[in-house]
Amino acid sequence: MSASAGPVAYDAHGSGDPIVLLPSGGHERHDYDELRELLPDRFRSISIDWPGHGRSPAGTMPATELALAQLVEEFLDSLAPAGAVLVGSSIGGNVATRLAIRRPDLVKGLVLIDGGGFEGAGRLSGRVFCALMSRPWFARRIYPLFSDAYVRPRTAADRRARADAIATTRTTQGLTAVTQMWRSFSAREHDLRAQAGSITAPTVLIWGRYDPVLPLRAGETARELIPGSRLVVIESGHLPHTTDPEAVAAELIELAHAAFNIDRQTSNTRPGGTAAGQEQER
């Protein structure tokens, strides 16, 4: 698809109501492969590559959170104008939350996987690390060690996701995009806490208990701020969907049925669910 920031690579599986998957910075759409295999065919899952990632060329503007939100807004206006369930990991979660706030007509439901924007100013060490990660020489050198720390790889999907992220930072366009993303994390606009109360889409927050980048307390803050949201804690690092795709798929399917008003009795998904505002562990 062609957007104002340039071409965007994506792929689509299944048919019917759309679920759009937004990856973490440095990561490709293939992070969601195992999760997508678990979704019923009656959903159309669409997964994208950020500019400079995977098969998307470098964008014509910096890969900031605001620019990526504009890109996804154009994407949804073109491919899912009646609205979609958005699934966002890390920076993808920040982008999805931003769209749920400013374009609620495009967001039928929201699944935030260790999403950014709820952690606050944080410690000085965190701000210093963001500043260092915005420098290409540092990001390239540190990424193998850093990715091992935040992925905490346990599964084949974890290891593939980590390898792909390292490979992204080994390319000029990928490294440029990743450092631009990290620079935007220090911008005032990154913080979504003041606006989160306006979200009307049904929301599930999925958080890795051992995420060193966006700790669980950020997920707890998001649960307190987003009306009717529910927090699910998974024994993983920053990428619960690669560590435990079955648990994430179960939550996503449940939310998608509610968002699209689908009769669960006629679809191949798990029954049940949990009350809004409750924390669940997996």
Protein backbone atom coordinates (compact mmCIF):
# COMPACT_ATOMS: atom_id res chain seq x y z
CA MET A 1 0.00 0.00 0.00
CA SER A 2 1.15 3.54 -0.73
CA ALA A 3 0.96 6.04 2.14
CA SER A 4 2.07 9.65 2.41
CA ALA A 5 5.28 8.44 4.08
CA GLY A 6 5.95 5.94 1.27
CA PRO A 7 5.05 2.31 0.47
CA VAL A 8 4.10 0.01 3.35
CA ALA A 9 4.48 -3.77 3.10
CA TYR A 10 1.79 -5.95 4.63
CA ASP A 11 0.14 -9.32 4.25
CA ALA A 12 -3.38 -10.55 4.96
CA HIS A 13 -4.71 -13.94 6.07
CA GLY A 14 -8.32 -15.09 6.24
CA SER A 15 -11.40 -13.07 5.40
CA GLY A 16 -14.10 -11.16 7.21
CA ASP A 17 -13.72 -8.71 10.07
CA PRO A 18 -10.25 -7.13 10.13
CA ILE A 19 -7.61 -7.46 12.83
CA VAL A 20 -4.59 -5.22 12.18
CA LEU A 21 -1.31 -6.14 13.87
CA LEU A 22 1.36 -3.52 14.59
CA PRO A 23 4.81 -4.79 15.64
CA SER A 24 7.39 -3.47 18.07
CA GLY A 25 10.19 -1.21 16.92
CA GLY A 26 12.98 -3.16 15.27
CA HIS A 27 10.62 -6.08 14.66
CA GLU A 28 8.87 -7.40 11.59
CA ARG A 29 5.30 -8.46 10.89
CA HIS A 30 6.46 -12.09 11.21
CA ASP A 31 6.53 -11.69 14.99
CA TYR A 32 2.80 -12.39 14.76
CA ASP A 33 3.03 -15.54 12.61
CA GLU A 34 2.31 -18.05 15.39
CA LEU A 35 -0.49 -15.92 16.79
CA ARG A 36 -2.17 -15.55 13.40
CA GLU A 37 -2.18 -19.29 12.82
CA LEU A 38 -4.46 -19.60 15.86
CA LEU A 39 -7.08 -17.12 14.65
CA PRO A 40 -10.31 -18.36 13.04
CA ASP A 41 -10.50 -17.90 9.26
CA ARG A 42 -13.55 -15.69 9.70
CA PHE A 43 -11.17 -12.91 10.77
CA ARG A 44 -8.91 -11.16 8.28
CA SER A 45 -5.58 -10.58 10.01
CA ILE A 46 -3.41 -7.89 8.45
CA SER A 47 0.18 -7.47 9.63
CA ILE A 48 2.44 -4.62 8.55
CA ASP A 49 6.14 -3.82 8.41
CA TRP A 50 7.15 -0.40 9.71
CA PRO A 51 9.18 1.82 7.35
CA GLY A 52 12.73 0.53 7.12
CA HIS A 53 11.67 -2.84 8.55
CA GLY A 54 11.14 -6.15 6.77
CA ARG A 55 9.92 -5.50 3.22
CA SER A 56 8.95 -1.85 3.76
CA PRO A 57 11.44 0.65 2.34
CA ALA A 58 12.63 3.61 4.36
CA GLY A 59 9.93 6.22 4.82
CA THR A 60 10.04 9.78 3.51
CA MET A 61 9.73 11.18 7.05
CA PRO A 62 11.26 10.19 10.42
CA ALA A 63 9.76 7.07 12.01
CA THR A 64 8.35 8.86 15.06
CA GLU A 65 5.28 7.69 16.93
CA LEU A 66 3.25 10.58 15.50
CA ALA A 67 4.33 9.79 11.94
CA LEU A 68 3.59 6.07 12.37
CA ALA A 69 0.14 6.88 13.75
CA GLN A 70 -0.55 8.95 10.63
CA LEU A 71 0.66 6.06 8.48
CA VAL A 72 -1.64 3.55 10.22
CA GLU A 73 -4.56 5.96 10.05
CA GLU A 74 -4.13 6.17 6.28
CA PHE A 75 -3.77 2.39 6.14
CA LEU A 76 -7.04 1.86 8.03
CA ASP A 77 -8.90 4.48 6.00
CA SER A 78 -7.88 2.55 2.89
CA LEU A 79 -8.15 -1.11 3.95
CA ALA A 80 -10.55 -1.11 6.94
CA PRO A 81 -12.66 2.07 6.73
CA ALA A 82 -15.46 0.52 8.81
CA GLY A 83 -13.00 -0.12 11.65
CA ALA A 84 -10.70 -2.89 12.86
CA VAL A 85 -9.43 -4.48 16.03
CA LEU A 86 -5.92 -3.12 16.54
CA VAL A 87 -3.19 -5.20 18.14
CA GLY A 88 -0.07 -3.25 19.01
CA SER A 89 3.21 -4.35 20.56
CA SER A 90 5.42 -1.74 22.26
CA ILE A 91 5.55 1.24 19.87
CA GLY A 92 2.74 -0.48 17.98
CA GLY A 93 0.72 -0.27 21.18
CA ASN A 94 1.41 3.44 21.47
CA VAL A 95 0.27 3.96 17.87
CA ALA A 96 -2.87 1.84 18.39
CA THR A 97 -3.75 3.74 21.58
CA ARG A 98 -3.22 7.07 19.82
CA LEU A 99 -5.66 6.06 17.08
CA ALA A 100 -8.24 4.80 19.59
CA ILE A 101 -8.13 8.29 21.12
CA ARG A 102 -8.25 10.42 17.96
CA ARG A 103 -10.09 8.13 15.50
CA PRO A 104 -12.46 5.95 17.55
CA ASP A 105 -14.46 5.25 14.37
CA LEU A 106 -11.51 3.21 13.08
CA VAL A 107 -10.88 1.20 16.26
CA LYS A 108 -13.43 -1.49 17.12
CA GLY A 109 -11.24 -3.04 19.79
CA LEU A 110 -7.79 -2.63 21.26
CA VAL A 111 -5.21 -5.21 22.35
CA LEU A 112 -2.11 -3.55 23.79
CA ILE A 113 0.89 -5.85 24.24
CA ASP A 114 3.42 -4.14 26.51
CA GLY A 115 2.38 -0.87 24.87
CA GLY A 116 4.27 2.39 25.28
CA GLY A 117 2.89 5.67 26.58
CA PHE A 118 1.91 4.73 30.14
CA GLU A 119 5.30 4.53 31.85
CA GLY A 120 5.64 8.24 32.68
CA ALA A 121 8.92 10.12 32.79
CA GLY A 122 10.68 7.20 34.47
CA ARG A 123 14.09 7.16 36.05
CA LEU A 124 17.04 9.20 34.84
CA SER A 125 18.72 5.96 33.71
CA GLY A 126 15.76 5.24 31.42
CA ARG A 127 15.92 8.70 29.86
CA VAL A 128 19.65 8.35 29.34
CA PHE A 129 19.15 4.96 27.68
CA CYS A 130 16.55 6.43 25.29
CA ALA A 131 19.03 9.16 24.38
CA LEU A 132 21.77 6.60 23.74
CA MET A 133 19.47 4.37 21.69
CA SER A 134 18.73 7.32 19.43
CA ARG A 135 22.40 7.24 18.37
CA PRO A 136 23.07 4.76 15.55
CA TRP A 137 26.55 3.75 16.71
CA PHE A 138 25.23 2.81 20.16
CA ALA A 139 22.04 1.06 18.99
CA ARG A 140 23.90 -1.09 16.48
CA ARG A 141 26.52 -2.15 19.00
CA ILE A 142 24.18 -2.84 21.91
CA TYR A 143 21.28 -4.51 20.11
CA PRO A 144 22.43 -8.15 20.35
CA LEU A 145 22.78 -7.89 24.14
CA PHE A 146 19.75 -5.63 24.58
CA SER A 147 17.45 -7.86 22.51
CA ASP A 148 18.44 -10.89 24.58
CA ALA A 149 17.53 -8.99 27.75
CA TYR A 150 14.11 -7.78 26.60
CA VAL A 151 12.97 -10.83 24.63
CA ARG A 152 14.12 -13.32 27.27
CA PRO A 153 13.98 -16.00 24.54
CA ARG A 154 12.36 -19.32 25.45
CA THR A 155 10.65 -20.41 22.24
CA ALA A 156 11.63 -20.76 18.59
CA ALA A 157 9.42 -17.74 17.82
CA ASP A 158 11.27 -15.70 20.49
CA ARG A 159 14.60 -16.60 18.94
CA ARG A 160 13.43 -15.80 15.41
CA ALA A 161 12.00 -12.44 16.53
CA ARG A 162 15.27 -11.55 18.25
CA ALA A 163 17.35 -12.56 15.22
CA ASP A 164 15.14 -10.50 12.91
CA ALA A 165 15.44 -7.45 15.18
CA ILE A 166 19.23 -7.72 15.21
CA ALA A 167 19.20 -8.07 11.42
CA THR A 168 17.05 -4.93 11.12
CA THR A 169 19.65 -2.91 13.04
CA ARG A 170 22.35 -4.23 10.71
CA THR A 171 20.82 -2.36 7.76
CA THR A 172 21.17 1.37 7.27
CA GLN A 173 17.46 1.99 6.78
CA GLY A 174 16.48 -0.25 9.68
CA LEU A 175 18.98 1.28 12.08
CA THR A 176 17.85 4.78 11.08
CA ALA A 177 14.19 3.94 11.71
CA VAL A 178 14.90 2.27 15.06
CA THR A 179 16.93 5.21 16.35
CA GLN A 180 14.23 7.64 15.22
CA MET A 181 11.65 5.62 17.15
CA TRP A 182 13.76 5.73 20.30
CA ARG A 183 14.24 9.48 19.94
CA SER A 184 10.45 9.93 19.79
CA PHE A 185 10.04 8.07 23.11
CA SER A 186 11.52 11.12 24.84
CA ALA A 187 9.06 13.54 23.22
CA ARG A 188 6.31 15.08 25.33
CA GLU A 189 3.69 13.58 23.00
CA HIS A 190 4.80 10.04 23.89
CA ASP A 191 2.88 10.19 27.20
CA LEU A 192 -0.74 9.11 26.61
CA ARG A 193 -1.88 8.98 30.22
CA ALA A 194 -3.85 12.23 30.20
CA GLN A 195 -5.86 11.15 27.14
CA ALA A 196 -6.41 7.47 27.95
CA GLY A 197 -9.69 8.10 29.76
CA SER A 198 -11.36 9.03 26.47
CA ILE A 199 -10.88 5.56 24.95
CA THR A 200 -14.22 3.90 24.22
CA ALA A 201 -13.04 0.75 22.43
CA PRO A 202 -13.06 -2.49 24.44
CA THR A 203 -9.47 -2.96 25.58
CA VAL A 204 -7.31 -5.84 26.76
CA LEU A 205 -3.83 -5.14 28.09
CA ILE A 206 -1.40 -8.04 27.77
CA TRP A 207 1.87 -7.62 29.65
CA GLY A 208 4.99 -9.69 30.12
CA ARG A 209 5.76 -10.01 33.82
CA TYR A 210 9.51 -9.76 33.19
CA ASP A 211 9.54 -6.94 30.63
CA PRO A 212 12.59 -4.75 31.46
CA VAL A 213 11.68 -2.09 28.86
CA LEU A 214 8.07 -1.33 29.82
CA PRO A 215 7.61 -2.84 33.29
CA LEU A 216 4.35 -4.32 34.52
CA ARG A 217 3.56 -1.18 36.52
CA ALA A 218 3.00 0.61 33.17
CA GLY A 219 0.35 -1.98 32.33
CA GLU A 220 -1.25 -1.48 35.73
CA THR A 221 -1.35 2.26 35.09
CA ALA A 222 -3.00 1.69 31.72
CA ARG A 223 -5.63 -0.55 33.34
CA GLU A 224 -6.45 2.20 35.83
CA LEU A 225 -6.78 4.85 33.11
CA ILE A 226 -8.56 3.08 30.22
CA PRO A 227 -12.25 2.63 31.07
CA GLY A 228 -13.33 -1.01 31.34
CA SER A 229 -9.91 -2.36 30.38
CA ARG A 230 -8.57 -5.69 31.58
CA LEU A 231 -4.97 -6.63 32.31
CA VAL A 232 -3.63 -10.09 31.51
CA VAL A 233 -0.14 -10.92 32.81
CA ILE A 234 1.94 -13.49 30.95
CA GLU A 235 5.17 -15.13 32.11
CA SER A 236 7.37 -13.57 29.44
CA GLY A 237 9.57 -10.65 28.54
CA HIS A 238 8.67 -7.82 26.16
CA LEU A 239 7.06 -10.09 23.52
CA PRO A 240 4.30 -12.21 25.09
CA HIS A 241 2.89 -13.01 21.64
CA THR A 242 6.04 -14.89 20.61
CA THR A 243 6.57 -16.55 23.99
CA ASP A 244 2.94 -17.64 24.54
CA PRO A 245 0.90 -17.09 21.35
CA GLU A 246 -1.87 -19.42 22.56
CA ALA A 247 -2.63 -17.24 25.59
CA VAL A 248 -2.54 -14.04 23.55
CA ALA A 249 -4.70 -15.54 20.80
CA ALA A 250 -7.33 -16.62 23.32
CA GLU A 251 -7.63 -13.05 24.62
CA LEU A 252 -7.61 -11.53 21.14
CA ILE A 253 -10.30 -13.88 19.85
CA GLU A 254 -12.52 -13.19 22.83
CA LEU A 255 -12.17 -9.44 22.39
CA ALA A 256 -12.70 -9.61 18.60
CA HIS A 257 -15.96 -11.51 19.06
CA ALA A 258 -17.20 -8.82 21.44
CA ALA A 259 -15.95 -5.97 19.25
CA PHE A 260 -17.65 -7.30 16.13
CA ASN A 261 -20.75 -8.62 17.96
CA ILE A 262 -20.16 -12.19 16.82
CA ASP A 263 -22.13 -15.07 18.29
CA ARG A 264 -19.55 -17.21 20.09
CA GLN A 265 -21.73 -20.27 19.79
CA THR A 266 -21.20 -20.34 16.03
CA SER A 267 -17.46 -19.77 15.97
CA ASN A 268 -14.43 -21.93 16.79
CA THR A 269 -13.08 -20.02 19.78
CA ARG A 270 -12.74 -20.67 23.45
CA PRO A 271 -15.77 -19.88 25.67
CA GLY A 272 -15.83 -17.65 28.69
CA GLY A 273 -13.85 -14.53 29.53
CA THR A 274 -13.11 -12.37 32.50
CA ALA A 275 -14.87 -9.38 33.96
CA ALA A 276 -13.77 -5.90 32.91
CA GLY A 277 -11.07 -4.38 35.08
CA GLN A 278 -9.86 -7.74 36.42
CA GLU A 279 -6.27 -8.88 36.30
CA GLN A 280 -5.61 -12.36 35.01
CA GLU A 281 -2.38 -14.34 34.99
CA ARG A 282 -1.29 -16.88 32.39
